[in-house]
Amino acid sequence: RPTEKLLSDTLGGMSLIRFNQIWDNSSKTELSIYEVRCLETWLNK
């Protein structure tokens, strides 16, 4: 469960709902290149 700070600062303003959709691979909306880069930056760190 990401903090609001992680969502807003590191994950580019991603909502908790969107994070959960990504976590579950359940979104009807494809991942954007920006989201991929934000997630990779966070996980690399």
PDB file of all heavy atoms in Angstrom:
ATOM      1  N   ARG A   1       0.878  -1.175   0.000  1.00  0.00           N
ATOM      2  CA  ARG A   1       0.000   0.000   0.000  1.00  0.00           C
ATOM      3  C   ARG A   1       0.911   1.219   0.000  1.00  0.00           C
ATOM      4  O   ARG A   1       1.473   1.586   1.028  1.00  0.00           O
ATOM      5  CB  ARG A   1      -0.911   0.022   1.200  1.00  0.00           C
ATOM      6  CG  ARG A   1      -1.817   1.245   1.179  1.00  0.00           C
ATOM      7  CD  ARG A   1      -2.860   1.218   2.270  1.00  0.00           C
ATOM      8  NE  ARG A   1      -3.534   2.479   2.371  1.00  0.00           N
ATOM      9  CZ  ARG A   1      -4.590   2.834   1.640  1.00  0.00           C
ATOM     10  NH1 ARG A   1      -5.069   2.004   0.749  1.00  0.00           N
ATOM     11  NH2 ARG A   1      -5.161   4.001   1.802  1.00  0.00           N
ATOM     12  N   PRO A   2       1.075   1.845  -1.166  1.00  0.00           N
ATOM     13  CA  PRO A   2       1.974   2.988  -1.265  1.00  0.00           C
ATOM     14  C   PRO A   2       1.444   4.207  -0.518  1.00  0.00           C
ATOM     15  O   PRO A   2       0.226   4.406  -0.422  1.00  0.00           O
ATOM     16  CB  PRO A   2       2.044   3.261  -2.765  1.00  0.00           C
ATOM     17  CG  PRO A   2       0.790   2.689  -3.316  1.00  0.00           C
ATOM     18  CD  PRO A   2       0.436   1.527  -2.429  1.00  0.00           C
ATOM     19  N   THR A   3       2.354   5.002   0.013  1.00  0.00           N
ATOM     20  CA  THR A   3       1.975   6.239   0.695  1.00  0.00           C
ATOM     21  C   THR A   3       1.585   7.288  -0.341  1.00  0.00           C
ATOM     22  O   THR A   3       1.937   7.190  -1.514  1.00  0.00           O
ATOM     23  CB  THR A   3       3.142   6.788   1.526  1.00  0.00           C
ATOM     24  OG1 THR A   3       4.220   7.122   0.640  1.00  0.00           O
ATOM     25  CG2 THR A   3       3.616   5.790   2.576  1.00  0.00           C
ATOM     26  N   GLU A   4       0.883   8.298   0.106  1.00  0.00           N
ATOM     27  CA  GLU A   4       0.531   9.410  -0.773  1.00  0.00           C
ATOM     28  C   GLU A   4       1.786  10.082  -1.314  1.00  0.00           C
ATOM     29  O   GLU A   4       1.823  10.507  -2.460  1.00  0.00           O
ATOM     30  CB  GLU A   4      -0.343  10.430  -0.042  1.00  0.00           C
ATOM     31  CG  GLU A   4      -1.765   9.977   0.149  1.00  0.00           C
ATOM     32  CD  GLU A   4      -2.496   9.715  -1.164  1.00  0.00           C
ATOM     33  OE1 GLU A   4      -2.330  10.500  -2.126  1.00  0.00           O
ATOM     34  OE2 GLU A   4      -3.215   8.709  -1.235  1.00  0.00           O
ATOM     35  N   LYS A   5       2.836  10.179  -0.489  1.00  0.00           N
ATOM     36  CA  LYS A   5       4.095  10.796  -0.912  1.00  0.00           C
ATOM     37  C   LYS A   5       4.722   9.993  -2.046  1.00  0.00           C
ATOM     38  O   LYS A   5       5.182  10.564  -3.034  1.00  0.00           O
ATOM     39  CB  LYS A   5       5.058  10.913   0.260  1.00  0.00           C
ATOM     40  CG  LYS A   5       6.377  11.571  -0.104  1.00  0.00           C
ATOM     41  CD  LYS A   5       7.170  11.929   1.128  1.00  0.00           C
ATOM     42  CE  LYS A   5       8.516  12.517   0.842  1.00  0.00           C
ATOM     43  NZ  LYS A   5       8.555  13.621  -0.091  1.00  0.00           N
ATOM     44  N   LEU A   6       4.747   8.678  -1.925  1.00  0.00           N
ATOM     45  CA  LEU A   6       5.288   7.837  -3.000  1.00  0.00           C
ATOM     46  C   LEU A   6       4.471   8.016  -4.278  1.00  0.00           C
ATOM     47  O   LEU A   6       5.034   8.195  -5.354  1.00  0.00           O
ATOM     48  CB  LEU A   6       5.300   6.365  -2.593  1.00  0.00           C
ATOM     49  CG  LEU A   6       5.771   5.392  -3.674  1.00  0.00           C
ATOM     50  CD1 LEU A   6       7.279   5.535  -3.888  1.00  0.00           C
ATOM     51  CD2 LEU A   6       5.409   3.973  -3.330  1.00  0.00           C
ATOM     52  N   LEU A   7       3.161   7.981  -4.144  1.00  0.00           N
ATOM     53  CA  LEU A   7       2.296   8.125  -5.314  1.00  0.00           C
ATOM     54  C   LEU A   7       2.485   9.482  -5.989  1.00  0.00           C
ATOM     55  O   LEU A   7       2.619   9.561  -7.205  1.00  0.00           O
ATOM     56  CB  LEU A   7       0.827   7.950  -4.918  1.00  0.00           C
ATOM     57  CG  LEU A   7       0.401   6.544  -4.517  1.00  0.00           C
ATOM     58  CD1 LEU A   7      -0.987   6.575  -3.881  1.00  0.00           C
ATOM     59  CD2 LEU A   7       0.427   5.599  -5.694  1.00  0.00           C
ATOM     60  N   SER A   8       2.545  10.538  -5.192  1.00  0.00           N
ATOM     61  CA  SER A   8       2.623  11.879  -5.783  1.00  0.00           C
ATOM     62  C   SER A   8       4.028  12.239  -6.242  1.00  0.00           C
ATOM     63  O   SER A   8       4.202  12.786  -7.334  1.00  0.00           O
ATOM     64  CB  SER A   8       2.101  12.933  -4.802  1.00  0.00           C
ATOM     65  OG  SER A   8       2.917  12.994  -3.658  1.00  0.00           O
ATOM     66  N   ASP A   9       5.037  11.925  -5.452  1.00  0.00           N
ATOM     67  CA  ASP A   9       6.399  12.358  -5.768  1.00  0.00           C
ATOM     68  C   ASP A   9       7.138  11.394  -6.692  1.00  0.00           C
ATOM     69  O   ASP A   9       7.672  11.797  -7.711  1.00  0.00           O
ATOM     70  CB  ASP A   9       7.225  12.542  -4.489  1.00  0.00           C
ATOM     71  CG  ASP A   9       6.695  13.654  -3.596  1.00  0.00           C
ATOM     72  OD1 ASP A   9       5.789  14.391  -4.033  1.00  0.00           O
ATOM     73  OD2 ASP A   9       7.175  13.774  -2.460  1.00  0.00           O
ATOM     74  N   THR A  10       7.159  10.128  -6.344  1.00  0.00           N
ATOM     75  CA  THR A  10       7.958   9.149  -7.087  1.00  0.00           C
ATOM     76  C   THR A  10       7.207   8.554  -8.262  1.00  0.00           C
ATOM     77  O   THR A  10       7.800   8.301  -9.307  1.00  0.00           O
ATOM     78  CB  THR A  10       8.422   8.029  -6.136  1.00  0.00           C
ATOM     79  OG1 THR A  10       9.076   8.630  -5.022  1.00  0.00           O
ATOM     80  CG2 THR A  10       9.368   7.079  -6.815  1.00  0.00           C
ATOM     81  N   LEU A  11       5.929   8.330  -8.098  1.00  0.00           N
ATOM     82  CA  LEU A  11       5.155   7.678  -9.152  1.00  0.00           C
ATOM     83  C   LEU A  11       4.360   8.679  -9.988  1.00  0.00           C
ATOM     84  O   LEU A  11       3.384   8.313 -10.656  1.00  0.00           O
ATOM     85  CB  LEU A  11       4.240   6.594  -8.556  1.00  0.00           C
ATOM     86  CG  LEU A  11       4.992   5.455  -7.857  1.00  0.00           C
ATOM     87  CD1 LEU A  11       4.013   4.436  -7.284  1.00  0.00           C
ATOM     88  CD2 LEU A  11       5.969   4.776  -8.795  1.00  0.00           C
ATOM     89  N   GLY A  12       4.776   9.923  -9.978  1.00  0.00           N
ATOM     90  CA  GLY A  12       4.243  10.924 -10.892  1.00  0.00           C
ATOM     91  C   GLY A  12       2.791  11.304 -10.708  1.00  0.00           C
ATOM     92  O   GLY A  12       2.116  11.645 -11.671  1.00  0.00           O
ATOM     93  N   GLY A  13       2.286  11.228  -9.487  1.00  0.00           N
ATOM     94  CA  GLY A  13       0.905  11.609  -9.236  1.00  0.00           C
ATOM     95  C   GLY A  13      -0.099  10.493  -9.478  1.00  0.00           C
ATOM     96  O   GLY A  13      -1.299  10.740  -9.608  1.00  0.00           O
ATOM     97  N   MET A  14       0.389   9.269  -9.517  1.00  0.00           N
ATOM     98  CA  MET A  14      -0.479   8.114  -9.742  1.00  0.00           C
ATOM     99  C   MET A  14      -1.486   7.986  -8.596  1.00  0.00           C
ATOM    100  O   MET A  14      -1.149   8.223  -7.442  1.00  0.00           O
ATOM    101  CB  MET A  14       0.397   6.852  -9.803  1.00  0.00           C
ATOM    102  CG  MET A  14      -0.325   5.588 -10.163  1.00  0.00           C
ATOM    103  SD  MET A  14       0.785   4.147 -10.189  1.00  0.00           S
ATOM    104  CE  MET A  14       1.843   4.532 -11.575  1.00  0.00           C
ATOM    105  N   SER A  15      -2.709   7.615  -8.915  1.00  0.00           N
ATOM    106  CA  SER A  15      -3.712   7.396  -7.870  1.00  0.00           C
ATOM    107  C   SER A  15      -3.531   6.003  -7.272  1.00  0.00           C
ATOM    108  O   SER A  15      -2.944   5.112  -7.900  1.00  0.00           O
ATOM    109  CB  SER A  15      -5.128   7.527  -8.440  1.00  0.00           C
ATOM    110  OG  SER A  15      -5.419   6.433  -9.292  1.00  0.00           O
ATOM    111  N   LEU A  16      -4.065   5.814  -6.070  1.00  0.00           N
ATOM    112  CA  LEU A  16      -4.008   4.498  -5.434  1.00  0.00           C
ATOM    113  C   LEU A  16      -4.788   3.481  -6.256  1.00  0.00           C
ATOM    114  O   LEU A  16      -4.359   2.329  -6.403  1.00  0.00           O
ATOM    115  CB  LEU A  16      -4.554   4.564  -4.006  1.00  0.00           C
ATOM    116  CG  LEU A  16      -4.525   3.269  -3.207  1.00  0.00           C
ATOM    117  CD1 LEU A  16      -3.107   2.706  -3.103  1.00  0.00           C
ATOM    118  CD2 LEU A  16      -5.117   3.474  -1.823  1.00  0.00           C
ATOM    119  N   ILE A  17      -5.900   3.905  -6.831  1.00  0.00           N
ATOM    120  CA  ILE A  17      -6.687   2.999  -7.678  1.00  0.00           C
ATOM    121  C   ILE A  17      -5.849   2.527  -8.859  1.00  0.00           C
ATOM    122  O   ILE A  17      -5.814   1.337  -9.179  1.00  0.00           O
ATOM    123  CB  ILE A  17      -7.987   3.676  -8.149  1.00  0.00           C
ATOM    124  CG1 ILE A  17      -8.936   3.859  -6.965  1.00  0.00           C
ATOM    125  CG2 ILE A  17      -8.657   2.870  -9.260  1.00  0.00           C
ATOM    126  CD1 ILE A  17     -10.149   4.715  -7.254  1.00  0.00           C
ATOM    127  N   ARG A  18      -5.155   3.463  -9.513  1.00  0.00           N
ATOM    128  CA  ARG A  18      -4.323   3.098 -10.659  1.00  0.00           C
ATOM    129  C   ARG A  18      -3.196   2.167 -10.230  1.00  0.00           C
ATOM    130  O   ARG A  18      -2.893   1.189 -10.920  1.00  0.00           O
ATOM    131  CB  ARG A  18      -3.757   4.365 -11.324  1.00  0.00           C
ATOM    132  CG  ARG A  18      -2.870   4.089 -12.515  1.00  0.00           C
ATOM    133  CD  ARG A  18      -3.640   3.475 -13.655  1.00  0.00           C
ATOM    134  NE  ARG A  18      -2.793   3.334 -14.837  1.00  0.00           N
ATOM    135  CZ  ARG A  18      -2.942   2.410 -15.752  1.00  0.00           C
ATOM    136  NH1 ARG A  18      -3.935   1.534 -15.665  1.00  0.00           N
ATOM    137  NH2 ARG A  18      -2.135   2.346 -16.781  1.00  0.00           N
ATOM    138  N   PHE A  19      -2.556   2.446  -9.095  1.00  0.00           N
ATOM    139  CA  PHE A  19      -1.491   1.577  -8.602  1.00  0.00           C
ATOM    140  C   PHE A  19      -2.032   0.163  -8.404  1.00  0.00           C
ATOM    141  O   PHE A  19      -1.387  -0.811  -8.797  1.00  0.00           O
ATOM    142  CB  PHE A  19      -0.898   2.102  -7.294  1.00  0.00           C
ATOM    143  CG  PHE A  19       0.206   1.235  -6.769  1.00  0.00           C
ATOM    144  CD1 PHE A  19       1.513   1.407  -7.194  1.00  0.00           C
ATOM    145  CD2 PHE A  19      -0.068   0.210  -5.861  1.00  0.00           C
ATOM    146  CE1 PHE A  19       2.538   0.586  -6.726  1.00  0.00           C
ATOM    147  CE2 PHE A  19       0.946  -0.616  -5.391  1.00  0.00           C
ATOM    148  CZ  PHE A  19       2.250  -0.423  -5.831  1.00  0.00           C
ATOM    149  N   ASN A  20      -3.205   0.046  -7.802  1.00  0.00           N
ATOM    150  CA  ASN A  20      -3.796  -1.275  -7.561  1.00  0.00           C
ATOM    151  C   ASN A  20      -4.125  -1.991  -8.869  1.00  0.00           C
ATOM    152  O   ASN A  20      -3.964  -3.207  -8.977  1.00  0.00           O
ATOM    153  CB  ASN A  20      -5.028  -1.163  -6.671  1.00  0.00           C
ATOM    154  CG  ASN A  20      -4.659  -0.847  -5.236  1.00  0.00           C
ATOM    155  OD1 ASN A  20      -3.580  -1.183  -4.761  1.00  0.00           O
ATOM    156  ND2 ASN A  20      -5.548  -0.168  -4.542  1.00  0.00           N
ATOM    157  N   GLN A  21      -4.575  -1.241  -9.872  1.00  0.00           N
ATOM    158  CA  GLN A  21      -4.840  -1.839 -11.186  1.00  0.00           C
ATOM    159  C   GLN A  21      -3.539  -2.370 -11.793  1.00  0.00           C
ATOM    160  O   GLN A  21      -3.520  -3.465 -12.364  1.00  0.00           O
ATOM    161  CB  GLN A  21      -5.452  -0.808 -12.134  1.00  0.00           C
ATOM    162  CG  GLN A  21      -6.854  -0.427 -11.788  1.00  0.00           C
ATOM    163  CD  GLN A  21      -7.355   0.739 -12.637  1.00  0.00           C
ATOM    164  OE1 GLN A  21      -6.584   1.485 -13.221  1.00  0.00           O
ATOM    165  NE2 GLN A  21      -8.674   0.883 -12.694  1.00  0.00           N
ATOM    166  N   ILE A  22      -2.487  -1.594 -11.673  1.00  0.00           N
ATOM    167  CA  ILE A  22      -1.183  -2.032 -12.189  1.00  0.00           C
ATOM    168  C   ILE A  22      -0.706  -3.250 -11.412  1.00  0.00           C
ATOM    169  O   ILE A  22      -0.248  -4.231 -11.986  1.00  0.00           O
ATOM    170  CB  ILE A  22      -0.165  -0.872 -12.132  1.00  0.00           C
ATOM    171  CG1 ILE A  22      -0.566   0.216 -13.132  1.00  0.00           C
ATOM    172  CG2 ILE A  22       1.253  -1.368 -12.393  1.00  0.00           C
ATOM    173  CD1 ILE A  22       0.199   1.515 -12.998  1.00  0.00           C
ATOM    174  N   TRP A  23      -0.826  -3.204 -10.096  1.00  0.00           N
ATOM    175  CA  TRP A  23      -0.412  -4.309  -9.230  1.00  0.00           C
ATOM    176  C   TRP A  23      -1.105  -5.611  -9.647  1.00  0.00           C
ATOM    177  O   TRP A  23      -0.478  -6.659  -9.730  1.00  0.00           O
ATOM    178  CB  TRP A  23      -0.755  -3.965  -7.777  1.00  0.00           C
ATOM    179  CG  TRP A  23      -0.533  -5.052  -6.772  1.00  0.00           C
ATOM    180  CD1 TRP A  23      -1.445  -5.957  -6.325  1.00  0.00           C
ATOM    181  CD2 TRP A  23       0.692  -5.350  -6.090  1.00  0.00           C
ATOM    182  NE1 TRP A  23      -0.880  -6.794  -5.393  1.00  0.00           N
ATOM    183  CE2 TRP A  23       0.432  -6.442  -5.227  1.00  0.00           C
ATOM    184  CE3 TRP A  23       1.961  -4.806  -6.103  1.00  0.00           C
ATOM    185  CZ2 TRP A  23       1.401  -7.000  -4.408  1.00  0.00           C
ATOM    186  CZ3 TRP A  23       2.922  -5.355  -5.273  1.00  0.00           C
ATOM    187  CH2 TRP A  23       2.645  -6.441  -4.446  1.00  0.00           C
ATOM    188  N   ASP A  24      -2.396  -5.525  -9.941  1.00  0.00           N
ATOM    189  CA  ASP A  24      -3.187  -6.707 -10.292  1.00  0.00           C
ATOM    190  C   ASP A  24      -3.202  -7.020 -11.788  1.00  0.00           C
ATOM    191  O   ASP A  24      -3.842  -7.988 -12.196  1.00  0.00           O
ATOM    192  CB  ASP A  24      -4.632  -6.534  -9.818  1.00  0.00           C
ATOM    193  CG  ASP A  24      -4.761  -6.550  -8.309  1.00  0.00           C
ATOM    194  OD1 ASP A  24      -3.960  -7.246  -7.646  1.00  0.00           O
ATOM    195  OD2 ASP A  24      -5.655  -5.865  -7.791  1.00  0.00           O
ATOM    196  N   ASN A  25      -2.559  -6.181 -12.603  1.00  0.00           N
ATOM    197  CA  ASN A  25      -2.633  -6.327 -14.065  1.00  0.00           C
ATOM    198  C   ASN A  25      -4.088  -6.385 -14.512  1.00  0.00           C
ATOM    199  O   ASN A  25      -4.459  -7.182 -15.378  1.00  0.00           O
ATOM    200  CB  ASN A  25      -1.884  -7.580 -14.535  1.00  0.00           C
ATOM    201  CG  ASN A  25      -0.416  -7.328 -14.727  1.00  0.00           C
ATOM    202  OD1 ASN A  25      -0.027  -6.431 -15.464  1.00  0.00           O
ATOM    203  ND2 ASN A  25       0.398  -8.108 -14.052  1.00  0.00           N
ATOM    204  N   SER A  26      -4.929  -5.537 -13.917  1.00  0.00           N
ATOM    205  CA  SER A  26      -6.357  -5.620 -14.184  1.00  0.00           C
ATOM    206  C   SER A  26      -6.923  -4.410 -14.925  1.00  0.00           C
ATOM    207  O   SER A  26      -8.114  -4.362 -15.187  1.00  0.00           O
ATOM    208  CB  SER A  26      -7.118  -5.785 -12.865  1.00  0.00           C
ATOM    209  OG  SER A  26      -6.942  -4.638 -12.046  1.00  0.00           O
ATOM    210  N   SER A  27      -6.086  -3.462 -15.263  1.00  0.00           N
ATOM    211  CA  SER A  27      -6.571  -2.250 -15.902  1.00  0.00           C
ATOM    212  C   SER A  27      -6.928  -2.478 -17.363  1.00  0.00           C
ATOM    213  O   SER A  27      -6.264  -3.229 -18.072  1.00  0.00           O
ATOM    214  CB  SER A  27      -5.507  -1.153 -15.812  1.00  0.00           C
ATOM    215  OG  SER A  27      -5.948  -0.001 -16.477  1.00  0.00           O
ATOM    216  N   LYS A  28      -7.974  -1.800 -17.805  1.00  0.00           N
ATOM    217  CA  LYS A  28      -8.327  -1.817 -19.217  1.00  0.00           C
ATOM    218  C   LYS A  28      -7.461  -0.821 -19.983  1.00  0.00           C
ATOM    219  O   LYS A  28      -7.363  -0.893 -21.193  1.00  0.00           O
ATOM    220  CB  LYS A  28      -9.802  -1.477 -19.392  1.00  0.00           C
ATOM    221  CG  LYS A  28     -10.718  -2.533 -18.817  1.00  0.00           C
ATOM    222  CD  LYS A  28     -12.167  -2.156 -18.963  1.00  0.00           C
ATOM    223  CE  LYS A  28     -13.027  -3.229 -18.298  1.00  0.00           C
ATOM    224  NZ  LYS A  28     -14.430  -2.876 -18.268  1.00  0.00           N
ATOM    225  N   THR A  29      -6.842   0.112 -19.251  1.00  0.00           N
ATOM    226  CA  THR A  29      -5.970   1.112 -19.846  1.00  0.00           C
ATOM    227  C   THR A  29      -4.530   0.609 -19.800  1.00  0.00           C
ATOM    228  O   THR A  29      -4.042   0.206 -18.742  1.00  0.00           O
ATOM    229  CB  THR A  29      -6.057   2.440 -19.064  1.00  0.00           C
ATOM    230  OG1 THR A  29      -7.421   2.843 -18.999  1.00  0.00           O
ATOM    231  CG2 THR A  29      -5.225   3.520 -19.708  1.00  0.00           C
ATOM    232  N   GLU A  30      -3.866   0.622 -20.943  1.00  0.00           N
ATOM    233  CA  GLU A  30      -2.479   0.163 -21.013  1.00  0.00           C
ATOM    234  C   GLU A  30      -1.570   1.064 -20.176  1.00  0.00           C
ATOM    235  O   GLU A  30      -1.859   2.242 -19.974  1.00  0.00           O
ATOM    236  CB  GLU A  30      -1.990   0.185 -22.468  1.00  0.00           C
ATOM    237  CG  GLU A  30      -2.736  -0.751 -23.382  1.00  0.00           C
ATOM    238  CD  GLU A  30      -2.386  -2.208 -23.174  1.00  0.00           C
ATOM    239  OE1 GLU A  30      -1.453  -2.523 -22.424  1.00  0.00           O
ATOM    240  OE2 GLU A  30      -3.062  -3.047 -23.777  1.00  0.00           O
ATOM    241  N   LEU A  31      -0.456   0.520 -19.730  1.00  0.00           N
ATOM    242  CA  LEU A  31       0.557   1.313 -19.052  1.00  0.00           C
ATOM    243  C   LEU A  31       1.143   2.322 -20.021  1.00  0.00           C
ATOM    244  O   LEU A  31       1.452   1.984 -21.168  1.00  0.00           O
ATOM    245  CB  LEU A  31       1.704   0.408 -18.570  1.00  0.00           C
ATOM    246  CG  LEU A  31       1.502  -0.346 -17.287  1.00  0.00           C
ATOM    247  CD1 LEU A  31       2.580  -1.407 -17.157  1.00  0.00           C
ATOM    248  CD2 LEU A  31       1.554   0.575 -16.108  1.00  0.00           C
ATOM    249  N   SER A  32       1.315   3.535 -19.555  1.00  0.00           N
ATOM    250  CA  SER A  32       1.964   4.537 -20.394  1.00  0.00           C
ATOM    251  C   SER A  32       3.475   4.401 -20.231  1.00  0.00           C
ATOM    252  O   SER A  32       3.965   3.812 -19.253  1.00  0.00           O
ATOM    253  CB  SER A  32       1.519   5.944 -19.991  1.00  0.00           C
ATOM    254  OG  SER A  32       2.053   6.288 -18.722  1.00  0.00           O
ATOM    255  N   ILE A  33       4.208   4.952 -21.171  1.00  0.00           N
ATOM    256  CA  ILE A  33       5.669   4.945 -21.068  1.00  0.00           C
ATOM    257  C   ILE A  33       6.085   5.682 -19.807  1.00  0.00           C
ATOM    258  O   ILE A  33       7.007   5.264 -19.099  1.00  0.00           O
ATOM    259  CB  ILE A  33       6.306   5.550 -22.330  1.00  0.00           C
ATOM    260  CG1 ILE A  33       6.051   4.621 -23.518  1.00  0.00           C
ATOM    261  CG2 ILE A  33       7.795   5.791 -22.138  1.00  0.00           C
ATOM    262  CD1 ILE A  33       6.437   5.209 -24.859  1.00  0.00           C
ATOM    263  N   TYR A  34       5.394   6.773 -19.485  1.00  0.00           N
ATOM    264  CA  TYR A  34       5.697   7.547 -18.279  1.00  0.00           C
ATOM    265  C   TYR A  34       5.508   6.690 -17.023  1.00  0.00           C
ATOM    266  O   TYR A  34       6.343   6.704 -16.117  1.00  0.00           O
ATOM    267  CB  TYR A  34       4.815   8.797 -18.228  1.00  0.00           C
ATOM    268  CG  TYR A  34       5.043   9.652 -17.017  1.00  0.00           C
ATOM    269  CD1 TYR A  34       6.220  10.371 -16.869  1.00  0.00           C
ATOM    270  CD2 TYR A  34       4.082   9.726 -16.019  1.00  0.00           C
ATOM    271  CE1 TYR A  34       6.434  11.156 -15.742  1.00  0.00           C
ATOM    272  CE2 TYR A  34       4.287  10.510 -14.900  1.00  0.00           C
ATOM    273  CZ  TYR A  34       5.460  11.224 -14.761  1.00  0.00           C
ATOM    274  OH  TYR A  34       5.672  11.996 -13.643  1.00  0.00           O
ATOM    275  N   GLU A  35       4.412   5.939 -16.966  1.00  0.00           N
ATOM    276  CA  GLU A  35       4.173   5.077 -15.801  1.00  0.00           C
ATOM    277  C   GLU A  35       5.264   4.011 -15.678  1.00  0.00           C
ATOM    278  O   GLU A  35       5.739   3.733 -14.576  1.00  0.00           O
ATOM    279  CB  GLU A  35       2.803   4.410 -15.901  1.00  0.00           C
ATOM    280  CG  GLU A  35       1.653   5.353 -15.683  1.00  0.00           C
ATOM    281  CD  GLU A  35       0.304   4.727 -15.960  1.00  0.00           C
ATOM    282  OE1 GLU A  35       0.183   3.891 -16.886  1.00  0.00           O
ATOM    283  OE2 GLU A  35      -0.658   5.085 -15.250  1.00  0.00           O
ATOM    284  N   VAL A  36       5.650   3.422 -16.802  1.00  0.00           N
ATOM    285  CA  VAL A  36       6.711   2.415 -16.784  1.00  0.00           C
ATOM    286  C   VAL A  36       7.993   3.025 -16.233  1.00  0.00           C
ATOM    287  O   VAL A  36       8.657   2.441 -15.380  1.00  0.00           O
ATOM    288  CB  VAL A  36       6.946   1.816 -18.193  1.00  0.00           C
ATOM    289  CG1 VAL A  36       8.194   0.951 -18.221  1.00  0.00           C
ATOM    290  CG2 VAL A  36       5.726   1.023 -18.641  1.00  0.00           C
ATOM    291  N   ARG A  37       8.340   4.198 -16.721  1.00  0.00           N
ATOM    292  CA  ARG A  37       9.574   4.864 -16.260  1.00  0.00           C
ATOM    293  C   ARG A  37       9.512   5.194 -14.775  1.00  0.00           C
ATOM    294  O   ARG A  37      10.492   5.006 -14.057  1.00  0.00           O
ATOM    295  CB  ARG A  37       9.844   6.109 -17.090  1.00  0.00           C
ATOM    296  CG  ARG A  37      10.306   5.755 -18.484  1.00  0.00           C
ATOM    297  CD  ARG A  37      10.678   6.969 -19.283  1.00  0.00           C
ATOM    298  NE  ARG A  37      11.095   6.565 -20.620  1.00  0.00           N
ATOM    299  CZ  ARG A  37      10.936   7.289 -21.693  1.00  0.00           C
ATOM    300  NH1 ARG A  37      10.375   8.479 -21.615  1.00  0.00           N
ATOM    301  NH2 ARG A  37      11.335   6.856 -22.865  1.00  0.00           N
ATOM    302  N   CYS A  38       8.375   5.693 -14.305  1.00  0.00           N
ATOM    303  CA  CYS A  38       8.220   6.002 -12.878  1.00  0.00           C
ATOM    304  C   CYS A  38       8.351   4.741 -12.025  1.00  0.00           C
ATOM    305  O   CYS A  38       9.050   4.737 -11.007  1.00  0.00           O
ATOM    306  CB  CYS A  38       6.874   6.675 -12.611  1.00  0.00           C
ATOM    307  SG  CYS A  38       6.740   8.369 -13.189  1.00  0.00           S
ATOM    308  N   LEU A  39       7.685   3.676 -12.439  1.00  0.00           N
ATOM    309  CA  LEU A  39       7.751   2.415 -11.694  1.00  0.00           C
ATOM    310  C   LEU A  39       9.165   1.847 -11.695  1.00  0.00           C
ATOM    311  O   LEU A  39       9.657   1.380 -10.655  1.00  0.00           O
ATOM    312  CB  LEU A  39       6.767   1.399 -12.275  1.00  0.00           C
ATOM    313  CG  LEU A  39       5.291   1.691 -12.021  1.00  0.00           C
ATOM    314  CD1 LEU A  39       4.413   0.887 -12.961  1.00  0.00           C
ATOM    315  CD2 LEU A  39       4.936   1.416 -10.568  1.00  0.00           C
ATOM    316  N   GLU A  40       9.844   1.890 -12.847  1.00  0.00           N
ATOM    317  CA  GLU A  40      11.212   1.374 -12.919  1.00  0.00           C
ATOM    318  C   GLU A  40      12.164   2.203 -12.072  1.00  0.00           C
ATOM    319  O   GLU A  40      13.023   1.655 -11.383  1.00  0.00           O
ATOM    320  CB  GLU A  40      11.688   1.299 -14.369  1.00  0.00           C
ATOM    321  CG  GLU A  40      11.063   0.127 -15.105  1.00  0.00           C
ATOM    322  CD  GLU A  40      11.519  -0.017 -16.542  1.00  0.00           C
ATOM    323  OE1 GLU A  40      12.092   0.941 -17.116  1.00  0.00           O
ATOM    324  OE2 GLU A  40      11.286  -1.107 -17.108  1.00  0.00           O
ATOM    325  N   THR A  41      12.001   3.520 -12.074  1.00  0.00           N
ATOM    326  CA  THR A  41      12.850   4.385 -11.241  1.00  0.00           C
ATOM    327  C   THR A  41      12.667   4.040  -9.773  1.00  0.00           C
ATOM    328  O   THR A  41      13.645   3.899  -9.022  1.00  0.00           O
ATOM    329  CB  THR A  41      12.508   5.871 -11.490  1.00  0.00           C
ATOM    330  OG1 THR A  41      12.759   6.172 -12.863  1.00  0.00           O
ATOM    331  CG2 THR A  41      13.332   6.783 -10.606  1.00  0.00           C
ATOM    332  N   TRP A  42      11.436   3.865  -9.342  1.00  0.00           N
ATOM    333  CA  TRP A  42      11.141   3.525  -7.950  1.00  0.00           C
ATOM    334  C   TRP A  42      11.722   2.155  -7.582  1.00  0.00           C
ATOM    335  O   TRP A  42      12.411   2.005  -6.573  1.00  0.00           O
ATOM    336  CB  TRP A  42       9.631   3.543  -7.730  1.00  0.00           C
ATOM    337  CG  TRP A  42       9.176   2.952  -6.429  1.00  0.00           C
ATOM    338  CD1 TRP A  42       9.609   3.293  -5.184  1.00  0.00           C
ATOM    339  CD2 TRP A  42       8.213   1.912  -6.246  1.00  0.00           C
ATOM    340  NE1 TRP A  42       8.959   2.535  -4.233  1.00  0.00           N
ATOM    341  CE2 TRP A  42       8.102   1.683  -4.865  1.00  0.00           C
ATOM    342  CE3 TRP A  42       7.431   1.175  -7.119  1.00  0.00           C
ATOM    343  CZ2 TRP A  42       7.223   0.734  -4.337  1.00  0.00           C
ATOM    344  CZ3 TRP A  42       6.566   0.241  -6.581  1.00  0.00           C
ATOM    345  CH2 TRP A  42       6.468   0.025  -5.212  1.00  0.00           C
ATOM    346  N   LEU A  43      11.458   1.154  -8.415  1.00  0.00           N
ATOM    347  CA  LEU A  43      11.923  -0.202  -8.107  1.00  0.00           C
ATOM    348  C   LEU A  43      13.445  -0.319  -8.208  1.00  0.00           C
ATOM    349  O   LEU A  43      14.062  -1.036  -7.416  1.00  0.00           O
ATOM    350  CB  LEU A  43      11.228  -1.214  -9.009  1.00  0.00           C
ATOM    351  CG  LEU A  43       9.727  -1.367  -8.740  1.00  0.00           C
ATOM    352  CD1 LEU A  43       9.073  -2.200  -9.823  1.00  0.00           C
ATOM    353  CD2 LEU A  43       9.469  -1.956  -7.368  1.00  0.00           C
ATOM    354  N   ASN A  44      14.061   0.383  -9.149  1.00  0.00           N
ATOM    355  CA  ASN A  44      15.525   0.377  -9.239  1.00  0.00           C
ATOM    356  C   ASN A  44      16.138   0.926  -7.961  1.00  0.00           C
ATOM    357  O   ASN A  44      17.111   0.378  -7.441  1.00  0.00           O
ATOM    358  CB  ASN A  44      16.004   1.217 -10.437  1.00  0.00           C
ATOM    359  CG  ASN A  44      15.666   0.583 -11.770  1.00  0.00           C
ATOM    360  OD1 ASN A  44      15.348  -0.598 -11.868  1.00  0.00           O
ATOM    361  ND2 ASN A  44      15.733   1.386 -12.813  1.00  0.00           N
ATOM    362  N   LYS A  45      15.555   2.002  -7.450  1.00  0.00           N
ATOM    363  CA  LYS A  45      16.044   2.597  -6.201  1.00  0.00           C
ATOM    364  C   LYS A  45      15.794   1.653  -5.019  1.00  0.00           C
ATOM    365  O   LYS A  45      16.656   1.462  -4.175  1.00  0.00           O
ATOM    366  CB  LYS A  45      15.341   3.939  -5.967  1.00  0.00           C
ATOM    367  CG  LYS A  45      15.837   4.695  -4.777  1.00  0.00           C
ATOM    368  CD  LYS A  45      15.145   6.045  -4.670  1.00  0.00           C
ATOM    369  CE  LYS A  45      15.601   6.784  -3.432  1.00  0.00           C
ATOM    370  NZ  LYS A  45      14.916   8.068  -3.276  1.00  0.00           N
TER     371      LYS A  45
END
